N, C-alpha and C. Protein backbone atom coordinates (compact mmCIF):
# COMPACT_ATOMS: atom_id res chain seq x y z
N MET A 1 -81.25 -20.30 -8.18
CA MET A 1 -80.14 -19.26 -8.15
C MET A 1 -80.52 -18.24 -7.13
N SER A 2 -79.51 -17.84 -6.33
CA SER A 2 -79.73 -16.81 -5.30
C SER A 2 -78.66 -15.82 -5.44
N PRO A 3 -78.88 -14.74 -6.19
CA PRO A 3 -77.90 -13.74 -6.38
C PRO A 3 -77.39 -13.13 -5.08
N THR A 4 -76.29 -12.47 -5.13
CA THR A 4 -75.67 -11.91 -3.96
C THR A 4 -76.49 -10.74 -3.39
N ASP A 5 -76.71 -10.81 -2.10
CA ASP A 5 -77.28 -9.66 -1.37
C ASP A 5 -76.07 -8.96 -0.81
N TRP A 6 -75.67 -7.90 -1.44
CA TRP A 6 -74.45 -7.20 -1.00
C TRP A 6 -74.38 -6.83 0.49
N ASP A 7 -75.55 -6.53 1.07
CA ASP A 7 -75.58 -6.10 2.49
C ASP A 7 -75.43 -7.29 3.42
N GLU A 8 -75.49 -8.51 2.91
CA GLU A 8 -75.40 -9.73 3.73
C GLU A 8 -74.05 -10.40 3.56
N VAL A 9 -73.19 -9.85 2.78
CA VAL A 9 -71.85 -10.47 2.51
C VAL A 9 -70.99 -10.33 3.75
N PRO A 10 -70.54 -11.43 4.28
CA PRO A 10 -69.64 -11.36 5.48
C PRO A 10 -68.21 -10.96 5.17
N ASP A 11 -67.48 -10.49 6.14
CA ASP A 11 -66.07 -10.25 5.93
C ASP A 11 -65.31 -11.53 5.66
N GLY A 12 -64.27 -11.44 4.93
CA GLY A 12 -63.45 -12.65 4.62
C GLY A 12 -62.00 -12.40 4.68
N ALA A 13 -61.25 -13.28 4.11
CA ALA A 13 -59.76 -13.17 4.03
C ALA A 13 -59.27 -13.87 2.72
N ARG A 14 -58.18 -13.37 2.20
CA ARG A 14 -57.65 -13.98 1.06
C ARG A 14 -57.07 -15.36 1.47
N SER A 15 -57.38 -16.35 0.63
CA SER A 15 -56.87 -17.63 0.81
C SER A 15 -56.99 -18.37 -0.48
N GLY A 16 -56.47 -19.65 -0.46
CA GLY A 16 -56.50 -20.40 -1.73
C GLY A 16 -57.84 -20.60 -2.37
N GLU A 17 -58.88 -20.66 -1.53
CA GLU A 17 -60.20 -20.93 -2.06
C GLU A 17 -60.93 -19.67 -2.45
N TRP A 18 -60.41 -18.51 -1.99
CA TRP A 18 -61.04 -17.21 -2.29
C TRP A 18 -60.16 -16.33 -3.17
N VAL A 19 -60.65 -15.87 -4.21
CA VAL A 19 -59.91 -14.96 -5.17
C VAL A 19 -60.47 -13.56 -5.20
N GLU A 20 -59.68 -12.61 -5.44
CA GLU A 20 -60.15 -11.23 -5.56
C GLU A 20 -60.90 -11.12 -6.89
N VAL A 21 -62.04 -10.48 -6.80
CA VAL A 21 -62.86 -10.19 -7.94
C VAL A 21 -62.28 -9.02 -8.75
N PRO A 22 -62.07 -9.18 -10.05
CA PRO A 22 -61.58 -8.04 -10.79
C PRO A 22 -62.37 -6.77 -10.65
N GLU A 23 -61.76 -5.65 -10.54
CA GLU A 23 -62.51 -4.38 -10.35
C GLU A 23 -63.10 -3.86 -11.65
N THR A 24 -64.03 -4.65 -12.21
CA THR A 24 -64.72 -4.36 -13.41
C THR A 24 -66.21 -4.65 -13.22
N GLY A 25 -66.99 -4.06 -14.07
CA GLY A 25 -68.43 -4.41 -14.00
C GLY A 25 -68.63 -5.86 -14.25
N TRP A 26 -67.95 -6.42 -15.23
CA TRP A 26 -68.07 -7.85 -15.61
C TRP A 26 -67.72 -8.72 -14.42
N GLY A 27 -66.63 -8.38 -13.73
CA GLY A 27 -66.22 -9.16 -12.53
C GLY A 27 -67.22 -9.08 -11.42
N MET A 28 -67.73 -7.92 -11.21
CA MET A 28 -68.74 -7.77 -10.16
C MET A 28 -70.06 -8.36 -10.50
N LEU A 29 -70.40 -8.46 -11.78
CA LEU A 29 -71.59 -9.10 -12.19
C LEU A 29 -71.47 -10.64 -11.95
N ALA A 30 -70.21 -11.18 -12.19
CA ALA A 30 -70.01 -12.60 -11.79
C ALA A 30 -70.12 -12.83 -10.30
N ALA A 31 -69.57 -11.86 -9.49
CA ALA A 31 -69.69 -12.02 -8.04
C ALA A 31 -71.16 -11.96 -7.58
N TRP A 32 -71.96 -11.10 -8.26
CA TRP A 32 -73.36 -10.99 -7.89
C TRP A 32 -74.04 -12.34 -8.23
N ALA A 33 -73.71 -12.87 -9.42
CA ALA A 33 -74.40 -14.11 -9.84
C ALA A 33 -73.88 -15.33 -9.05
N ALA A 34 -72.79 -15.21 -8.38
CA ALA A 34 -72.19 -16.30 -7.59
C ALA A 34 -73.01 -16.57 -6.30
N GLY A 35 -73.72 -15.62 -5.78
CA GLY A 35 -74.55 -15.76 -4.56
C GLY A 35 -73.81 -15.39 -3.36
N THR A 36 -74.54 -14.88 -2.37
CA THR A 36 -74.01 -14.40 -1.09
C THR A 36 -73.05 -15.44 -0.45
N GLU A 37 -73.40 -16.72 -0.54
CA GLU A 37 -72.59 -17.77 0.14
C GLU A 37 -71.25 -17.90 -0.49
N ASN A 38 -71.04 -17.34 -1.68
CA ASN A 38 -69.77 -17.53 -2.39
C ASN A 38 -68.98 -16.19 -2.52
N VAL A 39 -69.39 -15.19 -1.75
CA VAL A 39 -68.78 -13.86 -1.83
C VAL A 39 -68.38 -13.36 -0.44
N ARG A 40 -67.19 -12.77 -0.27
CA ARG A 40 -66.76 -12.14 0.95
C ARG A 40 -66.23 -10.74 0.61
N LYS A 41 -66.00 -9.95 1.63
CA LYS A 41 -65.48 -8.60 1.43
C LYS A 41 -64.39 -8.29 2.42
N LEU A 42 -63.55 -7.42 1.97
CA LEU A 42 -62.46 -6.79 2.83
C LEU A 42 -62.48 -5.30 2.63
N PRO A 43 -62.08 -4.53 3.65
CA PRO A 43 -62.00 -3.08 3.37
C PRO A 43 -60.94 -2.80 2.30
N VAL A 44 -61.28 -1.92 1.37
CA VAL A 44 -60.35 -1.59 0.30
C VAL A 44 -59.15 -0.70 0.92
N ASP A 45 -57.97 -0.89 0.43
CA ASP A 45 -56.81 -0.16 0.81
C ASP A 45 -55.93 0.09 -0.39
N ASP A 46 -56.04 1.36 -0.95
CA ASP A 46 -55.31 1.69 -2.15
C ASP A 46 -53.93 2.27 -1.84
N THR A 47 -53.50 2.19 -0.61
CA THR A 47 -52.19 2.73 -0.18
C THR A 47 -51.08 2.08 -0.94
N GLY A 48 -50.26 2.86 -1.58
CA GLY A 48 -49.09 2.35 -2.30
C GLY A 48 -49.45 1.78 -3.67
N ARG A 49 -50.70 1.76 -4.03
CA ARG A 49 -51.16 1.22 -5.32
C ARG A 49 -50.71 2.24 -6.43
N GLU A 50 -50.36 1.70 -7.57
CA GLU A 50 -49.89 2.55 -8.70
C GLU A 50 -50.64 2.16 -9.94
N VAL A 51 -50.72 3.09 -10.89
CA VAL A 51 -51.33 2.85 -12.16
C VAL A 51 -50.34 3.19 -13.28
N ARG A 52 -50.40 2.47 -14.35
CA ARG A 52 -49.55 2.76 -15.52
C ARG A 52 -50.20 3.81 -16.36
N VAL A 53 -49.45 4.84 -16.68
CA VAL A 53 -49.86 5.98 -17.47
C VAL A 53 -49.06 5.98 -18.72
N THR A 54 -49.70 5.90 -19.89
CA THR A 54 -49.02 6.00 -21.17
C THR A 54 -49.45 7.25 -21.92
N ILE A 55 -48.48 7.99 -22.35
CA ILE A 55 -48.80 9.23 -23.07
C ILE A 55 -47.98 9.29 -24.37
N GLU A 56 -48.65 9.63 -25.45
CA GLU A 56 -48.05 9.79 -26.71
C GLU A 56 -47.97 11.27 -27.09
N THR A 57 -46.80 11.79 -27.32
CA THR A 57 -46.57 13.16 -27.68
C THR A 57 -45.58 13.18 -28.92
N ASP A 58 -46.02 13.85 -29.95
CA ASP A 58 -45.22 13.99 -31.12
C ASP A 58 -44.65 12.67 -31.59
N GLY A 59 -45.48 11.65 -31.55
CA GLY A 59 -45.10 10.29 -32.07
C GLY A 59 -44.24 9.52 -31.11
N VAL A 60 -43.91 10.06 -29.91
CA VAL A 60 -43.12 9.36 -28.92
C VAL A 60 -44.05 8.88 -27.78
N THR A 61 -43.99 7.62 -27.50
CA THR A 61 -44.77 7.09 -26.42
C THR A 61 -43.96 6.91 -25.17
N ARG A 62 -44.56 7.40 -24.10
CA ARG A 62 -43.86 7.35 -22.77
C ARG A 62 -44.81 6.66 -21.80
N THR A 63 -44.23 5.76 -21.00
CA THR A 63 -45.04 5.07 -19.98
C THR A 63 -44.38 5.30 -18.65
N ARG A 64 -45.13 5.62 -17.67
CA ARG A 64 -44.68 5.76 -16.29
C ARG A 64 -45.73 5.30 -15.28
N MET A 65 -45.28 5.07 -14.10
CA MET A 65 -46.20 4.69 -12.99
C MET A 65 -46.56 5.89 -12.15
N GLU A 66 -47.76 6.00 -11.79
CA GLU A 66 -48.20 7.10 -10.95
C GLU A 66 -49.05 6.58 -9.78
N PRO A 67 -49.13 7.28 -8.70
CA PRO A 67 -49.96 6.82 -7.57
C PRO A 67 -51.44 6.70 -7.98
N PHE A 68 -52.06 5.70 -7.48
CA PHE A 68 -53.49 5.53 -7.62
C PHE A 68 -54.24 6.55 -6.73
N THR A 69 -55.08 7.41 -7.32
CA THR A 69 -55.62 8.53 -6.62
C THR A 69 -57.07 8.26 -6.27
N ALA A 70 -57.63 9.23 -5.45
CA ALA A 70 -59.03 9.16 -5.07
C ALA A 70 -59.89 9.31 -6.36
N GLN A 71 -59.43 10.02 -7.32
CA GLN A 71 -60.12 10.10 -8.59
C GLN A 71 -60.10 8.79 -9.33
N ASP A 72 -59.00 8.10 -9.24
CA ASP A 72 -58.94 6.77 -9.87
C ASP A 72 -59.95 5.80 -9.20
N ARG A 73 -60.00 5.82 -7.87
CA ARG A 73 -60.96 5.01 -7.13
C ARG A 73 -62.41 5.36 -7.54
N GLN A 74 -62.70 6.66 -7.66
CA GLN A 74 -63.98 7.15 -8.02
C GLN A 74 -64.39 6.57 -9.41
N ALA A 75 -63.42 6.66 -10.37
CA ALA A 75 -63.70 6.20 -11.73
C ALA A 75 -63.89 4.68 -11.73
N VAL A 76 -63.15 3.89 -10.97
CA VAL A 76 -63.34 2.42 -10.91
C VAL A 76 -64.71 2.11 -10.39
N ASP A 77 -65.11 2.77 -9.22
CA ASP A 77 -66.40 2.46 -8.64
C ASP A 77 -67.53 2.87 -9.58
N GLU A 78 -67.42 4.05 -10.23
CA GLU A 78 -68.51 4.47 -11.14
C GLU A 78 -68.65 3.56 -12.35
N GLY A 79 -67.54 3.03 -12.89
CA GLY A 79 -67.59 2.13 -13.96
C GLY A 79 -68.33 0.86 -13.61
N ILE A 80 -68.02 0.31 -12.44
CA ILE A 80 -68.67 -0.88 -11.94
C ILE A 80 -70.16 -0.60 -11.71
N GLU A 81 -70.53 0.50 -11.14
CA GLU A 81 -71.94 0.84 -10.85
C GLU A 81 -72.66 1.04 -12.15
N ASP A 82 -72.14 1.69 -13.12
CA ASP A 82 -72.79 1.86 -14.44
C ASP A 82 -73.07 0.59 -15.08
N TYR A 83 -72.10 -0.35 -15.10
CA TYR A 83 -72.23 -1.63 -15.73
C TYR A 83 -73.36 -2.46 -15.09
N LEU A 84 -73.34 -2.45 -13.71
CA LEU A 84 -74.34 -3.24 -12.99
C LEU A 84 -75.72 -2.66 -13.18
N ARG A 85 -75.83 -1.37 -13.25
CA ARG A 85 -77.07 -0.74 -13.51
C ARG A 85 -77.65 -1.07 -14.86
N ASP A 86 -76.74 -1.07 -15.83
CA ASP A 86 -77.15 -1.47 -17.23
C ASP A 86 -77.49 -2.92 -17.25
N ALA A 87 -77.00 -3.73 -16.41
CA ALA A 87 -77.32 -5.18 -16.31
C ALA A 87 -78.65 -5.39 -15.53
N GLY A 88 -79.10 -4.43 -14.75
CA GLY A 88 -80.26 -4.55 -13.94
C GLY A 88 -79.97 -5.25 -12.64
N ALA A 89 -78.71 -5.24 -12.23
CA ALA A 89 -78.26 -5.90 -11.03
C ALA A 89 -78.02 -4.80 -9.92
N PRO A 90 -78.15 -5.13 -8.68
CA PRO A 90 -77.89 -4.19 -7.59
C PRO A 90 -76.44 -3.78 -7.50
N VAL A 91 -76.23 -2.60 -7.07
CA VAL A 91 -74.90 -2.05 -6.94
C VAL A 91 -74.38 -2.31 -5.57
N PRO A 92 -73.11 -2.84 -5.44
CA PRO A 92 -72.49 -3.13 -4.14
C PRO A 92 -72.10 -1.82 -3.39
N PRO A 93 -72.03 -1.87 -2.10
CA PRO A 93 -71.54 -0.71 -1.35
C PRO A 93 -70.04 -0.43 -1.76
N ARG A 94 -69.66 0.80 -1.69
CA ARG A 94 -68.25 1.17 -1.97
C ARG A 94 -67.39 0.91 -0.74
N GLY A 95 -66.11 0.85 -1.04
CA GLY A 95 -65.14 0.78 0.12
C GLY A 95 -64.68 -0.65 0.40
N PHE A 96 -64.97 -1.62 -0.51
CA PHE A 96 -64.61 -2.97 -0.29
C PHE A 96 -63.82 -3.59 -1.47
N VAL A 97 -62.98 -4.51 -1.18
CA VAL A 97 -62.44 -5.47 -2.15
C VAL A 97 -63.36 -6.65 -1.98
N TRP A 98 -63.75 -7.23 -3.13
CA TRP A 98 -64.70 -8.40 -3.04
C TRP A 98 -63.91 -9.63 -3.44
N LEU A 99 -64.22 -10.66 -2.72
CA LEU A 99 -63.62 -12.02 -2.92
C LEU A 99 -64.72 -12.97 -3.33
N MET A 100 -64.36 -13.97 -4.17
CA MET A 100 -65.33 -14.91 -4.64
C MET A 100 -64.68 -16.32 -4.42
N ARG A 101 -65.50 -17.24 -3.90
CA ARG A 101 -65.02 -18.60 -3.69
C ARG A 101 -64.95 -19.29 -5.05
N LEU A 102 -63.83 -19.93 -5.29
CA LEU A 102 -63.64 -20.68 -6.51
C LEU A 102 -64.62 -21.91 -6.47
N PRO A 103 -65.36 -22.08 -7.59
CA PRO A 103 -66.25 -23.27 -7.68
C PRO A 103 -65.47 -24.54 -7.63
N PRO A 104 -66.10 -25.63 -7.26
CA PRO A 104 -65.44 -26.98 -7.29
C PRO A 104 -64.81 -27.28 -8.63
N GLY A 105 -63.57 -27.72 -8.61
CA GLY A 105 -62.88 -28.04 -9.86
C GLY A 105 -62.31 -26.91 -10.57
N VAL A 106 -62.38 -25.69 -10.08
CA VAL A 106 -61.79 -24.49 -10.66
C VAL A 106 -60.65 -24.08 -9.77
N ALA A 107 -59.42 -24.06 -10.32
CA ALA A 107 -58.19 -23.86 -9.59
C ALA A 107 -57.73 -22.39 -9.40
N SER A 108 -58.19 -21.49 -10.28
CA SER A 108 -57.68 -20.11 -10.21
C SER A 108 -58.69 -19.13 -10.74
N GLU A 109 -58.40 -17.88 -10.47
CA GLU A 109 -59.31 -16.81 -11.03
C GLU A 109 -59.23 -16.82 -12.54
N GLU A 110 -58.07 -17.09 -13.05
CA GLU A 110 -57.92 -17.17 -14.53
C GLU A 110 -58.76 -18.25 -15.15
N GLN A 111 -58.77 -19.39 -14.52
CA GLN A 111 -59.58 -20.52 -15.03
C GLN A 111 -61.02 -20.19 -14.88
N LEU A 112 -61.43 -19.56 -13.80
CA LEU A 112 -62.87 -19.11 -13.57
C LEU A 112 -63.23 -18.17 -14.75
N SER A 113 -62.39 -17.20 -15.06
CA SER A 113 -62.69 -16.23 -16.10
C SER A 113 -62.84 -16.91 -17.38
N ARG A 114 -61.96 -17.91 -17.68
CA ARG A 114 -62.01 -18.65 -18.94
C ARG A 114 -63.35 -19.43 -19.07
N GLU A 115 -63.72 -20.05 -17.98
CA GLU A 115 -64.99 -20.83 -17.95
C GLU A 115 -66.19 -19.93 -18.19
N ILE A 116 -66.20 -18.78 -17.56
CA ILE A 116 -67.35 -17.82 -17.77
C ILE A 116 -67.33 -17.31 -19.18
N ASN A 117 -66.15 -16.86 -19.68
CA ASN A 117 -66.09 -16.38 -20.99
C ASN A 117 -66.51 -17.43 -22.06
N ARG A 118 -66.02 -18.63 -21.91
CA ARG A 118 -66.43 -19.70 -22.82
C ARG A 118 -67.97 -19.91 -22.79
N GLY A 119 -68.50 -19.94 -21.62
CA GLY A 119 -69.98 -20.14 -21.49
C GLY A 119 -70.74 -19.03 -22.16
N ILE A 120 -70.31 -17.78 -21.98
CA ILE A 120 -70.98 -16.67 -22.62
C ILE A 120 -70.83 -16.74 -24.11
N ALA A 121 -69.58 -17.06 -24.65
CA ALA A 121 -69.39 -17.15 -26.07
C ALA A 121 -70.22 -18.27 -26.73
N GLU A 122 -70.46 -19.36 -25.99
CA GLU A 122 -71.28 -20.43 -26.46
C GLU A 122 -72.76 -20.14 -26.45
N ALA A 123 -73.21 -19.56 -25.34
CA ALA A 123 -74.67 -19.40 -25.12
C ALA A 123 -75.17 -18.05 -25.73
N ALA A 124 -74.33 -17.02 -25.80
CA ALA A 124 -74.77 -15.72 -26.28
C ALA A 124 -73.69 -15.07 -27.12
N PRO A 125 -73.29 -15.72 -28.26
CA PRO A 125 -72.19 -15.17 -29.11
C PRO A 125 -72.59 -13.74 -29.53
N GLY A 126 -71.65 -12.88 -29.40
CA GLY A 126 -71.87 -11.48 -29.80
C GLY A 126 -72.57 -10.61 -28.79
N ALA A 127 -72.96 -11.17 -27.59
CA ALA A 127 -73.60 -10.39 -26.61
C ALA A 127 -72.59 -9.38 -25.99
N VAL A 128 -72.95 -8.10 -25.96
CA VAL A 128 -72.10 -7.15 -25.37
C VAL A 128 -72.75 -6.29 -24.32
N HIS A 129 -74.09 -6.12 -24.43
CA HIS A 129 -74.78 -5.33 -23.45
C HIS A 129 -74.91 -6.15 -22.12
N PRO A 130 -74.61 -5.48 -20.99
CA PRO A 130 -74.73 -6.23 -19.72
C PRO A 130 -76.06 -6.90 -19.53
N ALA A 131 -77.14 -6.29 -19.92
CA ALA A 131 -78.47 -6.97 -19.73
C ALA A 131 -78.60 -8.24 -20.54
N ASP A 132 -77.86 -8.37 -21.62
CA ASP A 132 -77.90 -9.57 -22.44
C ASP A 132 -77.01 -10.68 -21.77
N ILE A 133 -76.04 -10.26 -21.00
CA ILE A 133 -75.15 -11.19 -20.34
C ILE A 133 -75.67 -11.77 -19.04
N VAL A 134 -76.54 -11.04 -18.36
CA VAL A 134 -76.98 -11.43 -17.06
C VAL A 134 -77.55 -12.83 -17.01
N PRO A 135 -78.54 -13.21 -17.84
CA PRO A 135 -79.13 -14.59 -17.67
C PRO A 135 -78.05 -15.64 -17.98
N VAL A 136 -77.14 -15.36 -18.91
CA VAL A 136 -76.14 -16.38 -19.27
C VAL A 136 -75.18 -16.45 -18.07
N MET A 137 -74.77 -15.34 -17.51
CA MET A 137 -73.86 -15.36 -16.31
C MET A 137 -74.50 -16.12 -15.22
N GLU A 138 -75.76 -15.88 -14.96
CA GLU A 138 -76.49 -16.57 -13.84
C GLU A 138 -76.42 -18.11 -14.09
N ASP A 139 -76.73 -18.57 -15.33
CA ASP A 139 -76.74 -19.99 -15.70
C ASP A 139 -75.35 -20.57 -15.47
N ILE A 140 -74.32 -19.88 -15.95
CA ILE A 140 -72.95 -20.35 -15.85
C ILE A 140 -72.54 -20.54 -14.47
N LEU A 141 -72.83 -19.54 -13.58
CA LEU A 141 -72.41 -19.67 -12.17
C LEU A 141 -73.24 -20.72 -11.50
N ASP A 142 -74.51 -20.88 -11.76
CA ASP A 142 -75.30 -21.93 -11.23
C ASP A 142 -74.69 -23.30 -11.55
N ARG A 143 -74.32 -23.50 -12.77
CA ARG A 143 -73.63 -24.73 -13.24
C ARG A 143 -72.34 -24.98 -12.46
N LEU A 144 -71.51 -23.95 -12.42
CA LEU A 144 -70.20 -24.06 -11.81
C LEU A 144 -70.27 -24.37 -10.37
N TYR A 145 -71.23 -23.78 -9.66
CA TYR A 145 -71.41 -24.05 -8.23
C TYR A 145 -72.31 -25.23 -7.96
N GLY A 146 -72.71 -25.93 -9.02
CA GLY A 146 -73.55 -27.16 -8.81
C GLY A 146 -74.98 -26.85 -8.31
N ARG A 147 -75.53 -25.75 -8.72
CA ARG A 147 -76.89 -25.36 -8.29
C ARG A 147 -77.89 -25.71 -9.33
N ASP A 148 -77.63 -26.50 -10.33
CA ASP A 148 -78.54 -26.81 -11.40
C ASP A 148 -79.69 -27.61 -10.91
């Protein structure tokens, strides 16, 4: 297994074989476990991005869309960094959207997530702390990419 060296990840482009990594610690842990050869990056561009805001006041729930702000970006980045630090994995540089190559036989990001979730549930049921998930995530990605 060769985890991703964030500083060595080349630029890439969205295509059928490359999917955007979810902007979560879990998603970035999967990208780290996938290895440098299976990860690409693009400059992040939050222009025009929106977030759904739901507020409950006096028993009335209201939902509206608001612009994604610099504070939103900061919160996303910090959440990812905290998760990876808890996992003992290196933190990627900020300012990028990360792409991951789909493993052979995996047709979508959704299928990839299901495969990883199933593997974690089977190998480490009840694991919630990132440090407990790391070795399982590494084994799953090794298997999916045929590195056994």
